[in-house]
N, C-alpha and C. Protein backbone atom coordinates (compact mmCIF):
# COMPACT_ATOMS: atom_id res chain seq x y z
N UNK A 1 45.08 89.72 106.32
CA UNK A 1 45.83 90.72 105.59
C UNK A 1 46.62 91.64 106.54
N UNK A 2 45.98 92.00 107.66
CA UNK A 2 46.65 92.88 108.61
C UNK A 2 47.85 92.19 109.22
N UNK A 3 47.73 90.92 109.60
CA UNK A 3 48.87 90.24 110.21
C UNK A 3 50.01 90.07 109.22
N UNK A 4 49.71 89.83 107.96
CA UNK A 4 50.76 89.70 106.94
C UNK A 4 51.50 91.03 106.76
N UNK A 5 50.75 92.14 106.76
CA UNK A 5 51.36 93.46 106.64
C UNK A 5 52.26 93.73 107.84
N UNK A 6 51.82 93.32 109.04
CA UNK A 6 52.63 93.49 110.24
C UNK A 6 53.94 92.72 110.12
N UNK A 7 53.88 91.49 109.64
CA UNK A 7 55.09 90.66 109.50
C UNK A 7 56.05 91.30 108.49
N UNK A 8 55.52 91.79 107.39
CA UNK A 8 56.36 92.43 106.39
C UNK A 8 56.99 93.70 106.97
N UNK A 9 56.21 94.51 107.68
CA UNK A 9 56.73 95.73 108.29
C UNK A 9 57.76 95.41 109.34
N UNK A 10 57.49 94.42 110.18
CA UNK A 10 58.42 94.01 111.23
C UNK A 10 59.74 93.57 110.62
N UNK A 11 59.68 92.76 109.58
CA UNK A 11 60.88 92.28 108.91
C UNK A 11 61.64 93.44 108.30
N UNK A 12 60.94 94.35 107.68
CA UNK A 12 61.59 95.47 107.04
C UNK A 12 62.26 96.38 108.08
N UNK A 13 61.55 96.69 109.17
CA UNK A 13 62.09 97.61 110.16
C UNK A 13 63.17 97.00 111.03
N UNK A 14 62.99 95.74 111.44
CA UNK A 14 63.91 95.14 112.38
C UNK A 14 64.87 94.17 111.73
N UNK A 15 64.44 93.47 110.73
CA UNK A 15 65.30 92.49 110.06
C UNK A 15 66.44 93.14 109.32
N UNK A 16 66.22 94.32 108.77
CA UNK A 16 67.29 95.00 108.02
C UNK A 16 68.46 95.34 108.93
N UNK A 17 68.19 95.68 110.19
CA UNK A 17 69.26 96.02 111.12
C UNK A 17 70.11 94.82 111.49
N UNK A 18 69.57 93.62 111.39
CA UNK A 18 70.33 92.43 111.74
C UNK A 18 71.50 92.22 110.80
N UNK A 19 71.40 92.72 109.57
CA UNK A 19 72.43 92.47 108.57
C UNK A 19 73.39 93.62 108.38
N UNK A 20 73.23 94.69 109.16
CA UNK A 20 74.16 95.81 109.06
C UNK A 20 75.47 95.43 109.73
N UNK A 21 76.57 95.72 109.05
CA UNK A 21 77.87 95.44 109.64
C UNK A 21 78.29 96.62 110.51
N UNK A 22 79.08 96.36 111.53
CA UNK A 22 79.54 97.48 112.37
C UNK A 22 80.40 98.45 111.56
N UNK A 23 80.43 99.68 112.01
CA UNK A 23 81.24 100.69 111.33
C UNK A 23 82.70 100.29 111.35
N UNK A 24 83.40 100.61 110.28
CA UNK A 24 84.83 100.31 110.21
C UNK A 24 85.61 101.31 111.06
N UNK A 25 85.18 102.56 111.06
CA UNK A 25 85.86 103.60 111.83
C UNK A 25 84.83 104.34 112.68
N UNK A 26 85.17 104.56 113.95
CA UNK A 26 84.33 105.37 114.83
C UNK A 26 85.19 106.44 115.49
N UNK A 27 84.55 107.54 115.87
CA UNK A 27 85.23 108.68 116.49
C UNK A 27 84.55 108.98 117.82
N UNK A 28 85.36 109.20 118.85
CA UNK A 28 84.83 109.57 120.17
C UNK A 28 85.59 110.78 120.69
N UNK A 29 84.82 111.75 121.20
CA UNK A 29 85.43 112.95 121.79
C UNK A 29 84.66 113.28 123.06
N UNK A 30 85.37 113.44 124.16
CA UNK A 30 84.75 113.87 125.40
C UNK A 30 84.61 115.38 125.39
N UNK A 31 83.66 115.89 126.18
CA UNK A 31 83.55 117.34 126.32
C UNK A 31 84.84 117.87 126.94
N UNK A 32 85.33 118.95 126.40
CA UNK A 32 86.56 119.57 126.92
C UNK A 32 86.22 120.82 127.69
N UNK A 33 86.77 120.92 128.88
CA UNK A 33 86.65 122.16 129.66
C UNK A 33 87.99 122.86 129.53
N UNK A 34 87.97 124.06 128.96
CA UNK A 34 89.19 124.83 128.71
C UNK A 34 89.04 126.21 129.34
N UNK A 35 90.15 126.93 129.39
CA UNK A 35 90.14 128.22 130.09
C UNK A 35 90.53 129.35 129.13
N UNK A 36 89.90 130.49 129.33
CA UNK A 36 90.11 131.67 128.49
C UNK A 36 91.61 131.93 128.29
N UNK A 37 92.01 132.03 127.04
CA UNK A 37 93.38 132.36 126.63
C UNK A 37 94.46 131.42 127.16
N UNK A 38 94.11 130.19 127.54
CA UNK A 38 95.08 129.21 128.02
C UNK A 38 95.14 128.07 126.99
N UNK A 39 96.30 127.90 126.39
CA UNK A 39 96.46 126.85 125.38
C UNK A 39 96.33 125.47 126.00
N UNK A 40 95.68 124.57 125.28
CA UNK A 40 95.54 123.19 125.75
C UNK A 40 95.31 122.26 124.56
N UNK A 41 94.99 121.01 124.84
CA UNK A 41 94.85 119.99 123.80
C UNK A 41 93.51 119.29 123.94
N UNK A 42 92.84 119.11 122.82
CA UNK A 42 91.64 118.27 122.75
C UNK A 42 92.05 117.00 122.03
N UNK A 43 91.68 115.85 122.60
CA UNK A 43 92.02 114.56 121.98
C UNK A 43 90.80 113.96 121.29
N UNK A 44 91.00 113.58 120.04
CA UNK A 44 89.98 112.91 119.24
C UNK A 44 90.39 111.44 119.16
N UNK A 45 89.60 110.56 119.76
CA UNK A 45 89.91 109.12 119.77
C UNK A 45 89.28 108.47 118.54
N UNK A 46 90.10 107.76 117.79
CA UNK A 46 89.63 107.08 116.57
C UNK A 46 89.83 105.58 116.77
N UNK A 47 88.80 104.81 116.47
CA UNK A 47 88.86 103.35 116.57
C UNK A 47 88.65 102.76 115.18
N UNK A 48 89.55 101.86 114.78
CA UNK A 48 89.45 101.18 113.49
C UNK A 48 89.14 99.71 113.78
N UNK A 49 88.08 99.21 113.16
CA UNK A 49 87.65 97.83 113.40
C UNK A 49 88.75 96.84 113.06
N UNK A 50 88.83 95.78 113.85
CA UNK A 50 89.83 94.73 113.66
C UNK A 50 89.75 94.19 112.23
N UNK A 51 90.92 93.98 111.63
CA UNK A 51 90.98 93.48 110.26
C UNK A 51 91.09 94.59 109.22
N UNK A 52 91.00 95.84 109.67
CA UNK A 52 91.08 96.99 108.77
C UNK A 52 92.17 97.94 109.25
N UNK A 53 92.55 98.83 108.37
CA UNK A 53 93.42 99.96 108.70
C UNK A 53 92.98 101.12 107.83
N UNK A 54 93.42 102.32 108.16
CA UNK A 54 93.12 103.48 107.32
C UNK A 54 94.44 104.13 106.93
N UNK A 55 94.41 104.81 105.80
CA UNK A 55 95.62 105.48 105.32
C UNK A 55 96.05 106.54 106.34
N UNK A 56 97.35 106.72 106.48
CA UNK A 56 97.89 107.71 107.41
C UNK A 56 97.65 109.13 106.88
N UNK A 57 97.99 110.12 107.69
CA UNK A 57 97.85 111.51 107.30
C UNK A 57 98.80 111.87 106.16
N UNK A 58 99.92 111.19 106.11
CA UNK A 58 100.87 111.37 105.01
C UNK A 58 100.99 110.02 104.30
N UNK A 59 100.56 109.97 103.04
CA UNK A 59 100.59 108.72 102.29
C UNK A 59 101.78 108.70 101.33
N UNK A 60 102.24 107.50 101.00
CA UNK A 60 103.38 107.35 100.10
C UNK A 60 102.95 107.19 98.65
N UNK A 61 101.65 107.02 98.41
CA UNK A 61 101.12 106.82 97.06
C UNK A 61 100.03 107.86 96.82
N UNK A 62 100.22 108.72 95.84
CA UNK A 62 99.27 109.82 95.60
C UNK A 62 97.89 109.35 95.17
N UNK A 63 97.73 108.06 94.81
CA UNK A 63 96.40 107.56 94.44
C UNK A 63 95.56 107.21 95.67
N UNK A 64 96.17 107.23 96.85
CA UNK A 64 95.46 106.94 98.10
C UNK A 64 95.08 108.24 98.79
N UNK A 65 93.96 108.22 99.51
CA UNK A 65 93.50 109.41 100.20
C UNK A 65 94.04 109.43 101.63
N UNK A 66 94.78 110.45 102.00
CA UNK A 66 95.28 110.52 103.38
C UNK A 66 94.14 110.79 104.37
N UNK A 67 94.34 110.39 105.60
CA UNK A 67 93.39 110.71 106.65
C UNK A 67 93.58 112.18 107.02
N UNK A 68 92.48 112.92 107.05
CA UNK A 68 92.54 114.34 107.40
C UNK A 68 91.46 114.67 108.42
N UNK A 69 91.68 115.73 109.15
CA UNK A 69 90.69 116.22 110.10
C UNK A 69 90.46 117.69 109.81
N UNK A 70 89.21 118.03 109.57
CA UNK A 70 88.82 119.41 109.29
C UNK A 70 87.94 119.87 110.44
N UNK A 71 88.25 121.03 111.00
CA UNK A 71 87.48 121.57 112.12
C UNK A 71 86.90 122.91 111.71
N UNK A 72 85.58 123.06 111.89
CA UNK A 72 84.87 124.29 111.53
C UNK A 72 84.26 124.93 112.78
N UNK A 73 83.66 126.08 112.59
CA UNK A 73 82.96 126.78 113.66
C UNK A 73 83.96 127.19 114.75
N UNK A 74 85.08 127.75 114.33
CA UNK A 74 86.17 128.04 115.27
C UNK A 74 86.31 129.53 115.60
N UNK A 75 85.24 130.29 115.51
CA UNK A 75 85.36 131.72 115.80
C UNK A 75 85.66 131.99 117.28
N UNK A 76 85.42 131.04 118.16
CA UNK A 76 85.66 131.22 119.59
C UNK A 76 86.91 130.50 120.08
N UNK A 77 87.61 129.82 119.17
CA UNK A 77 88.79 129.05 119.55
C UNK A 77 89.75 129.03 118.37
N UNK A 78 91.04 129.14 118.63
CA UNK A 78 92.03 129.10 117.56
C UNK A 78 92.72 127.74 117.58
N UNK A 79 92.63 127.03 116.47
CA UNK A 79 93.33 125.74 116.34
C UNK A 79 94.75 126.07 115.89
N UNK A 80 95.73 125.77 116.74
CA UNK A 80 97.13 126.08 116.44
C UNK A 80 97.80 124.99 115.62
N UNK A 81 97.41 123.74 115.87
CA UNK A 81 98.05 122.62 115.19
C UNK A 81 97.18 121.38 115.36
N UNK A 82 97.15 120.54 114.33
CA UNK A 82 96.52 119.22 114.42
C UNK A 82 97.63 118.20 114.29
N UNK A 83 97.75 117.33 115.29
CA UNK A 83 98.85 116.36 115.32
C UNK A 83 98.31 114.93 115.19
N UNK A 84 98.76 114.24 114.16
CA UNK A 84 98.41 112.84 113.95
C UNK A 84 99.52 111.98 114.55
N UNK A 85 99.20 110.74 114.95
CA UNK A 85 100.24 109.87 115.52
C UNK A 85 101.19 109.37 114.44
N UNK A 86 102.31 108.77 114.85
CA UNK A 86 103.19 108.13 113.85
C UNK A 86 102.42 106.99 113.17
N UNK A 87 102.70 106.78 111.90
CA UNK A 87 102.02 105.72 111.16
C UNK A 87 102.76 104.40 111.30
N UNK A 88 102.09 103.34 110.86
CA UNK A 88 102.68 102.01 110.82
C UNK A 88 102.82 101.60 109.35
N UNK A 89 103.74 100.71 109.08
CA UNK A 89 103.90 100.20 107.71
C UNK A 89 103.02 98.96 107.55
N UNK A 90 102.34 98.86 106.40
CA UNK A 90 101.46 97.74 106.12
C UNK A 90 101.61 97.36 104.64
N UNK A 91 101.71 96.09 104.38
CA UNK A 91 101.86 95.61 103.00
C UNK A 91 100.55 94.94 102.57
N UNK A 92 99.93 95.48 101.55
CA UNK A 92 98.71 94.93 100.98
C UNK A 92 99.05 93.63 100.26
N UNK A 93 98.25 92.59 100.46
CA UNK A 93 98.51 91.30 99.81
C UNK A 93 98.64 91.47 98.30
N UNK A 94 99.63 90.81 97.72
CA UNK A 94 99.82 90.84 96.28
C UNK A 94 100.58 92.04 95.76
N UNK A 95 101.11 92.87 96.68
CA UNK A 95 101.89 94.04 96.25
C UNK A 95 103.26 94.00 96.92
N UNK A 96 104.17 94.80 96.38
CA UNK A 96 105.51 94.90 96.97
C UNK A 96 105.69 96.18 97.76
N UNK A 97 104.71 97.08 97.67
CA UNK A 97 104.83 98.38 98.32
C UNK A 97 104.22 98.37 99.72
N UNK A 98 104.82 99.15 100.59
CA UNK A 98 104.28 99.31 101.93
C UNK A 98 103.43 100.57 101.98
N UNK A 99 102.32 100.51 102.69
CA UNK A 99 101.45 101.65 102.92
C UNK A 99 101.71 102.20 104.31
N UNK A 100 101.53 103.49 104.48
CA UNK A 100 101.59 104.12 105.80
C UNK A 100 100.16 104.17 106.31
N UNK A 101 99.91 103.52 107.47
CA UNK A 101 98.53 103.37 107.94
C UNK A 101 98.40 103.60 109.45
N UNK A 102 97.14 103.72 109.88
CA UNK A 102 96.75 103.68 111.29
C UNK A 102 95.80 102.50 111.43
N UNK A 103 95.84 101.85 112.59
CA UNK A 103 94.87 100.80 112.86
C UNK A 103 94.56 100.77 114.35
N UNK A 104 93.67 99.90 114.74
CA UNK A 104 93.23 99.75 116.13
C UNK A 104 92.73 101.08 116.69
N UNK A 105 93.34 101.56 117.78
CA UNK A 105 92.93 102.81 118.41
C UNK A 105 94.08 103.81 118.36
N UNK A 106 93.75 105.05 118.05
CA UNK A 106 94.78 106.10 118.05
C UNK A 106 94.14 107.44 118.36
N UNK A 107 94.98 108.43 118.71
CA UNK A 107 94.51 109.77 119.04
C UNK A 107 95.00 110.79 118.03
N UNK A 108 94.12 111.72 117.70
CA UNK A 108 94.50 112.91 116.95
C UNK A 108 94.40 114.05 117.95
N UNK A 109 95.44 114.87 118.04
CA UNK A 109 95.47 115.94 119.03
C UNK A 109 95.25 117.30 118.36
N UNK A 110 94.33 118.07 118.95
CA UNK A 110 94.06 119.43 118.49
C UNK A 110 94.66 120.40 119.50
N UNK A 111 95.74 121.04 119.14
CA UNK A 111 96.35 122.05 120.00
C UNK A 111 95.62 123.36 119.72
N UNK A 112 95.13 124.02 120.75
CA UNK A 112 94.27 125.19 120.53
C UNK A 112 94.43 126.21 121.64
N UNK A 113 93.91 127.41 121.37
CA UNK A 113 93.84 128.47 122.36
C UNK A 113 92.44 129.05 122.29
N UNK A 114 91.66 128.94 123.39
CA UNK A 114 90.33 129.53 123.41
C UNK A 114 90.41 131.05 123.42
N UNK A 115 89.37 131.68 122.93
CA UNK A 115 89.29 133.13 122.96
C UNK A 115 88.90 133.63 124.35
N UNK A 116 88.47 134.88 124.42
CA UNK A 116 88.18 135.52 125.70
C UNK A 116 86.73 135.35 126.14
N UNK A 117 85.90 134.79 125.31
CA UNK A 117 84.47 134.67 125.62
C UNK A 117 84.17 133.31 126.25
N UNK A 118 83.57 133.31 127.44
CA UNK A 118 83.21 132.07 128.12
C UNK A 118 81.89 131.54 127.57
N UNK A 119 81.64 130.25 127.81
CA UNK A 119 80.38 129.65 127.38
C UNK A 119 80.57 128.23 126.84
N UNK A 120 79.46 127.63 126.42
CA UNK A 120 79.47 126.29 125.84
C UNK A 120 79.37 126.40 124.32
N UNK A 121 80.24 125.69 123.63
CA UNK A 121 80.31 125.77 122.17
C UNK A 121 80.43 124.36 121.58
N UNK A 122 80.15 124.30 120.30
CA UNK A 122 80.28 123.04 119.57
C UNK A 122 81.17 123.30 118.35
N UNK A 123 82.27 122.55 118.26
CA UNK A 123 83.09 122.56 117.05
C UNK A 123 82.53 121.49 116.12
N UNK A 124 82.36 121.79 114.87
CA UNK A 124 81.93 120.81 113.87
C UNK A 124 83.19 120.29 113.19
N UNK A 125 83.29 118.96 113.09
CA UNK A 125 84.51 118.37 112.54
C UNK A 125 84.18 117.27 111.53
N UNK A 126 85.14 117.02 110.64
CA UNK A 126 85.02 115.96 109.64
C UNK A 126 86.32 115.17 109.61
N UNK A 127 86.19 113.86 109.79
CA UNK A 127 87.33 112.97 109.62
C UNK A 127 87.16 112.32 108.26
N UNK A 128 88.12 112.56 107.38
CA UNK A 128 88.10 111.95 106.04
C UNK A 128 89.16 110.85 106.04
N UNK A 129 88.78 109.66 105.54
CA UNK A 129 89.70 108.53 105.58
C UNK A 129 89.41 107.55 104.45
N UNK A 130 90.38 106.68 104.21
CA UNK A 130 90.21 105.58 103.27
C UNK A 130 90.63 104.30 103.99
N UNK A 131 89.70 103.38 104.15
CA UNK A 131 89.96 102.13 104.86
C UNK A 131 90.34 101.02 103.87
N UNK A 132 91.16 100.09 104.36
CA UNK A 132 91.56 98.93 103.58
C UNK A 132 91.56 97.71 104.49
N UNK A 133 91.34 96.54 103.90
CA UNK A 133 91.59 95.31 104.64
C UNK A 133 92.89 94.75 104.07
N UNK A 134 93.16 93.48 104.25
CA UNK A 134 94.45 92.93 103.80
C UNK A 134 94.56 92.78 102.28
N UNK A 135 93.42 92.86 101.58
CA UNK A 135 93.42 92.60 100.14
C UNK A 135 93.07 93.79 99.27
N UNK A 136 92.25 94.70 99.78
CA UNK A 136 91.82 95.81 98.94
C UNK A 136 91.45 97.03 99.77
N UNK A 137 91.39 98.17 99.09
CA UNK A 137 91.00 99.42 99.73
C UNK A 137 89.59 99.79 99.31
N UNK A 138 88.85 100.37 100.23
CA UNK A 138 87.47 100.79 100.00
C UNK A 138 87.45 102.24 99.52
N UNK A 139 86.28 102.69 99.09
CA UNK A 139 86.13 104.08 98.70
C UNK A 139 86.33 104.98 99.92
N UNK A 140 86.85 106.18 99.73
CA UNK A 140 87.02 107.12 100.85
C UNK A 140 85.68 107.42 101.52
N UNK A 141 85.73 107.73 102.80
CA UNK A 141 84.54 108.03 103.60
C UNK A 141 84.78 109.29 104.43
N UNK A 142 83.68 109.85 104.95
CA UNK A 142 83.74 111.02 105.82
C UNK A 142 82.85 110.75 107.04
N UNK A 143 83.39 111.04 108.22
CA UNK A 143 82.60 110.98 109.45
C UNK A 143 82.45 112.41 109.95
N UNK A 144 81.21 112.89 110.04
CA UNK A 144 80.91 114.19 110.62
C UNK A 144 80.66 113.99 112.11
N UNK A 145 81.28 114.82 112.94
CA UNK A 145 81.06 114.70 114.38
C UNK A 145 81.22 116.06 115.05
N UNK A 146 80.83 116.12 116.31
CA UNK A 146 80.88 117.37 117.08
C UNK A 146 81.88 117.24 118.22
N UNK A 147 82.48 118.38 118.55
CA UNK A 147 83.41 118.45 119.68
C UNK A 147 82.84 119.49 120.64
N UNK A 148 82.27 119.03 121.76
CA UNK A 148 81.73 120.00 122.73
C UNK A 148 82.86 120.63 123.54
N UNK A 149 82.82 121.97 123.66
CA UNK A 149 83.85 122.71 124.38
C UNK A 149 83.17 123.69 125.33
N UNK A 150 83.62 123.67 126.58
CA UNK A 150 83.15 124.65 127.55
C UNK A 150 84.34 125.54 127.89
N UNK A 151 84.20 126.84 127.63
CA UNK A 151 85.26 127.80 127.94
C UNK A 151 84.89 128.49 129.25
N UNK A 152 85.78 128.35 130.24
CA UNK A 152 85.58 128.94 131.56
C UNK A 152 86.57 130.08 131.78
N UNK A 153 86.28 130.94 132.76
CA UNK A 153 87.22 132.03 133.07
C UNK A 153 88.58 131.45 133.49
N UNK A 154 89.60 132.23 133.25
CA UNK A 154 90.97 131.81 133.62
C UNK A 154 91.05 131.60 135.11
N UNK A 155 91.69 130.50 135.52
CA UNK A 155 91.83 130.22 136.96
C UNK A 155 93.01 130.96 137.55
């Protein structure tokens, strides 16, 4: 009985992971070292799995969800502008309309100005997106992630 329970537990704990598909979208951000009251840019790297794309920040069809980036916890830093890359045109199979999309790897740039207080901080961010393959679009998703920022004295 004990060995059977072990096999069932092993299958449940480890076997389930064998069938998980890789994430369609991943986000990577390096720690940024910035200087008091000096404007600079933080780059958010987004990777879209091969065979998929996500809707651009500006969509041509109001029924689609645009990709957006929301940044919170900004009392120590002022976000001046969020810049998305130019989109690409993509035609979904069976339709005549082109979608504005991002695919592969791209950067979202956060133009910002740190405040006067030095230290290590964490910005909380959310990337909201809607992924599609060549035939259909999936439900919108949200990726919560952190942006580590170290504010140093002005050089």
